[in-house]
C-alpha cells in the first residue's frame, strides 16, 4: 500500500472518530443519564481529541511522493 493511500485511510478513520464522537456527545447530553452520561461523554471527548491529533499529524506531515 502506498504512503498516500495509507494517509487517506488514516484520515478517513479520524473523520469516522469525529462522527462517532458527535453522536456520543448528543446521546450523553440529551438521551442518557447518570453514569452512562459521564461515561459516553468521556469516551466521546477522548475520540475527538485523538481524531484532532491524527488530522494535525496527517496535514503537517506534508505531501507524499509516489
N, C-alpha and C. Protein backbone atom coordinates (compact mmCIF):
# COMPACT_ATOMS: atom_id res chain seq x y z
N UNK A 1 0.84 -1.17 0.00
CA UNK A 1 0.00 0.00 0.00
C UNK A 1 0.89 1.24 0.00
N UNK A 2 0.58 2.18 -0.84
CA UNK A 2 1.41 3.38 -0.97
C UNK A 2 1.20 4.31 0.24
N UNK A 3 2.18 5.15 0.52
CA UNK A 3 2.05 6.08 1.66
C UNK A 3 0.86 7.03 1.51
N UNK A 4 0.56 7.44 0.28
CA UNK A 4 -0.58 8.34 0.08
C UNK A 4 -1.89 7.66 0.43
N UNK A 5 -2.01 6.41 0.01
CA UNK A 5 -3.23 5.66 0.30
C UNK A 5 -3.35 5.40 1.80
N UNK A 6 -2.24 5.14 2.44
CA UNK A 6 -2.25 4.92 3.88
C UNK A 6 -2.68 6.18 4.62
N UNK A 7 -2.19 7.35 4.19
CA UNK A 7 -2.60 8.61 4.80
C UNK A 7 -4.09 8.86 4.59
N UNK A 8 -4.61 8.46 3.44
CA UNK A 8 -6.03 8.63 3.17
C UNK A 8 -6.86 7.80 4.14
N UNK A 9 -6.49 6.54 4.37
CA UNK A 9 -7.25 5.69 5.26
C UNK A 9 -7.16 6.16 6.71
N UNK A 10 -5.98 6.65 7.10
CA UNK A 10 -5.82 7.17 8.46
C UNK A 10 -6.69 8.40 8.66
N UNK A 11 -6.72 9.30 7.70
CA UNK A 11 -7.55 10.50 7.85
C UNK A 11 -9.03 10.14 7.79
N UNK A 12 -9.39 9.14 7.01
CA UNK A 12 -10.78 8.68 6.98
C UNK A 12 -11.19 8.09 8.32
N UNK A 13 -10.30 7.36 8.95
CA UNK A 13 -10.58 6.82 10.28
C UNK A 13 -10.75 7.95 11.30
N UNK A 14 -9.94 9.00 11.18
CA UNK A 14 -10.06 10.14 12.09
C UNK A 14 -11.40 10.85 11.89
N UNK A 15 -11.85 10.97 10.65
CA UNK A 15 -13.16 11.58 10.40
C UNK A 15 -14.28 10.69 10.95
N UNK A 16 -14.10 9.38 10.88
CA UNK A 16 -15.07 8.46 11.48
C UNK A 16 -15.12 8.61 12.99
N UNK A 17 -13.95 8.79 13.62
CA UNK A 17 -13.91 9.04 15.06
C UNK A 17 -14.66 10.31 15.41
N UNK A 18 -14.50 11.34 14.59
CA UNK A 18 -15.21 12.60 14.85
C UNK A 18 -16.72 12.41 14.75
N UNK A 19 -17.16 11.67 13.75
CA UNK A 19 -18.59 11.43 13.58
C UNK A 19 -19.15 10.64 14.77
N UNK A 20 -18.43 9.60 15.19
CA UNK A 20 -18.87 8.80 16.33
C UNK A 20 -18.91 9.65 17.60
N UNK A 21 -17.93 10.52 17.77
CA UNK A 21 -17.91 11.36 18.97
C UNK A 21 -19.05 12.37 18.97
N UNK A 22 -19.42 12.88 17.81
CA UNK A 22 -20.56 13.79 17.74
C UNK A 22 -21.84 13.07 18.17
N UNK A 23 -22.03 11.85 17.67
CA UNK A 23 -23.21 11.08 18.06
C UNK A 23 -23.21 10.77 19.56
N UNK A 24 -22.05 10.42 20.10
CA UNK A 24 -21.97 10.10 21.52
C UNK A 24 -22.19 11.32 22.40
N UNK A 25 -21.71 12.48 21.97
CA UNK A 25 -21.95 13.70 22.73
C UNK A 25 -23.44 14.05 22.73
N UNK A 26 -24.09 13.87 21.58
CA UNK A 26 -25.54 14.10 21.52
C UNK A 26 -26.27 13.16 22.47
N UNK A 27 -25.89 11.88 22.45
CA UNK A 27 -26.53 10.92 23.34
C UNK A 27 -26.31 11.28 24.81
N UNK A 28 -25.10 11.66 25.14
CA UNK A 28 -24.80 11.94 26.54
C UNK A 28 -25.50 13.21 27.03
N UNK A 29 -25.76 14.16 26.17
CA UNK A 29 -26.40 15.40 26.60
C UNK A 29 -27.92 15.31 26.66
N UNK A 30 -28.50 14.59 25.72
CA UNK A 30 -29.96 14.65 25.59
C UNK A 30 -30.69 13.34 25.86
N UNK A 31 -30.04 12.21 25.79
CA UNK A 31 -30.75 10.95 25.89
C UNK A 31 -30.39 10.12 27.11
N UNK A 32 -29.20 10.24 27.62
CA UNK A 32 -28.75 9.38 28.71
C UNK A 32 -28.70 10.13 30.02
N UNK A 33 -28.62 9.39 31.09
CA UNK A 33 -28.50 10.00 32.40
C UNK A 33 -27.59 9.16 33.28
N UNK A 34 -27.19 9.74 34.39
CA UNK A 34 -26.40 9.01 35.39
C UNK A 34 -24.99 8.73 34.93
N UNK A 35 -24.54 7.52 35.26
CA UNK A 35 -23.16 7.12 34.97
C UNK A 35 -22.94 6.94 33.48
N UNK A 36 -24.00 6.54 32.74
CA UNK A 36 -23.86 6.37 31.30
C UNK A 36 -23.58 7.70 30.60
N UNK A 37 -24.16 8.76 31.15
CA UNK A 37 -23.94 10.10 30.59
C UNK A 37 -22.46 10.49 30.71
N UNK A 38 -21.89 10.29 31.87
CA UNK A 38 -20.49 10.64 32.09
C UNK A 38 -19.56 9.75 31.28
N UNK A 39 -19.87 8.46 31.22
CA UNK A 39 -19.02 7.51 30.51
C UNK A 39 -18.99 7.79 29.01
N UNK A 40 -20.15 8.02 28.42
CA UNK A 40 -20.18 8.30 26.98
C UNK A 40 -19.54 9.66 26.68
N UNK A 41 -19.69 10.62 27.55
CA UNK A 41 -19.06 11.93 27.33
C UNK A 41 -17.54 11.82 27.38
N UNK A 42 -17.02 11.05 28.32
CA UNK A 42 -15.56 10.89 28.43
C UNK A 42 -15.02 10.19 27.18
N UNK A 43 -15.68 9.12 26.75
CA UNK A 43 -15.24 8.40 25.55
C UNK A 43 -15.33 9.30 24.33
N UNK A 44 -16.42 10.08 24.23
CA UNK A 44 -16.60 10.95 23.07
C UNK A 44 -15.53 12.02 23.00
N UNK A 45 -15.23 12.66 24.11
CA UNK A 45 -14.22 13.70 24.08
C UNK A 45 -12.82 13.11 23.85
N UNK A 46 -12.57 11.91 24.34
CA UNK A 46 -11.30 11.24 24.06
C UNK A 46 -11.16 10.97 22.56
N UNK A 47 -12.23 10.46 21.93
CA UNK A 47 -12.18 10.21 20.49
C UNK A 47 -11.98 11.50 19.71
N UNK A 48 -12.62 12.58 20.16
CA UNK A 48 -12.47 13.87 19.47
C UNK A 48 -11.03 14.37 19.56
N UNK A 49 -10.42 14.24 20.70
CA UNK A 49 -9.03 14.68 20.87
C UNK A 49 -8.09 13.82 20.02
N UNK A 50 -8.29 12.51 20.02
CA UNK A 50 -7.45 11.61 19.23
C UNK A 50 -7.59 11.91 17.74
N UNK A 51 -8.81 12.12 17.28
CA UNK A 51 -9.02 12.42 15.86
C UNK A 51 -8.41 13.76 15.48
N UNK A 52 -8.47 14.73 16.36
CA UNK A 52 -7.84 16.02 16.08
C UNK A 52 -6.33 15.90 15.96
N UNK A 53 -5.73 15.12 16.83
CA UNK A 53 -4.28 14.91 16.77
C UNK A 53 -3.90 14.18 15.48
N UNK A 54 -4.69 13.18 15.11
CA UNK A 54 -4.41 12.44 13.87
C UNK A 54 -4.50 13.35 12.66
N UNK A 55 -5.53 14.18 12.58
CA UNK A 55 -5.70 15.08 11.45
C UNK A 55 -4.55 16.08 11.38
N UNK A 56 -4.12 16.61 12.52
CA UNK A 56 -2.99 17.55 12.54
C UNK A 56 -1.73 16.86 12.04
N UNK A 57 -1.48 15.63 12.48
CA UNK A 57 -0.29 14.91 12.03
C UNK A 57 -0.33 14.61 10.54
N UNK A 58 -1.50 14.25 10.03
CA UNK A 58 -1.62 13.96 8.60
C UNK A 58 -1.40 15.23 7.78
N UNK A 59 -1.99 16.33 8.21
CA UNK A 59 -1.87 17.57 7.44
C UNK A 59 -0.45 18.10 7.48
N UNK A 60 0.18 18.09 8.65
CA UNK A 60 1.52 18.67 8.75
C UNK A 60 2.64 17.72 8.32
N UNK A 61 2.32 16.47 8.00
CA UNK A 61 3.36 15.57 7.50
C UNK A 61 3.72 15.86 6.06
N UNK A 62 2.91 16.66 5.41
CA UNK A 62 3.24 17.09 4.05
C UNK A 62 2.77 16.14 2.98
N UNK A 63 3.01 16.52 1.74
CA UNK A 63 2.58 15.65 0.64
C UNK A 63 3.51 14.44 0.52
N UNK A 64 2.96 13.41 -0.08
CA UNK A 64 3.77 12.21 -0.34
C UNK A 64 4.14 12.18 -1.82
N UNK A 65 5.28 11.61 -2.09
CA UNK A 65 5.71 11.50 -3.48
C UNK A 65 5.77 10.03 -3.85
N UNK A 66 4.98 9.66 -4.85
CA UNK A 66 4.97 8.26 -5.32
C UNK A 66 5.50 8.19 -6.72
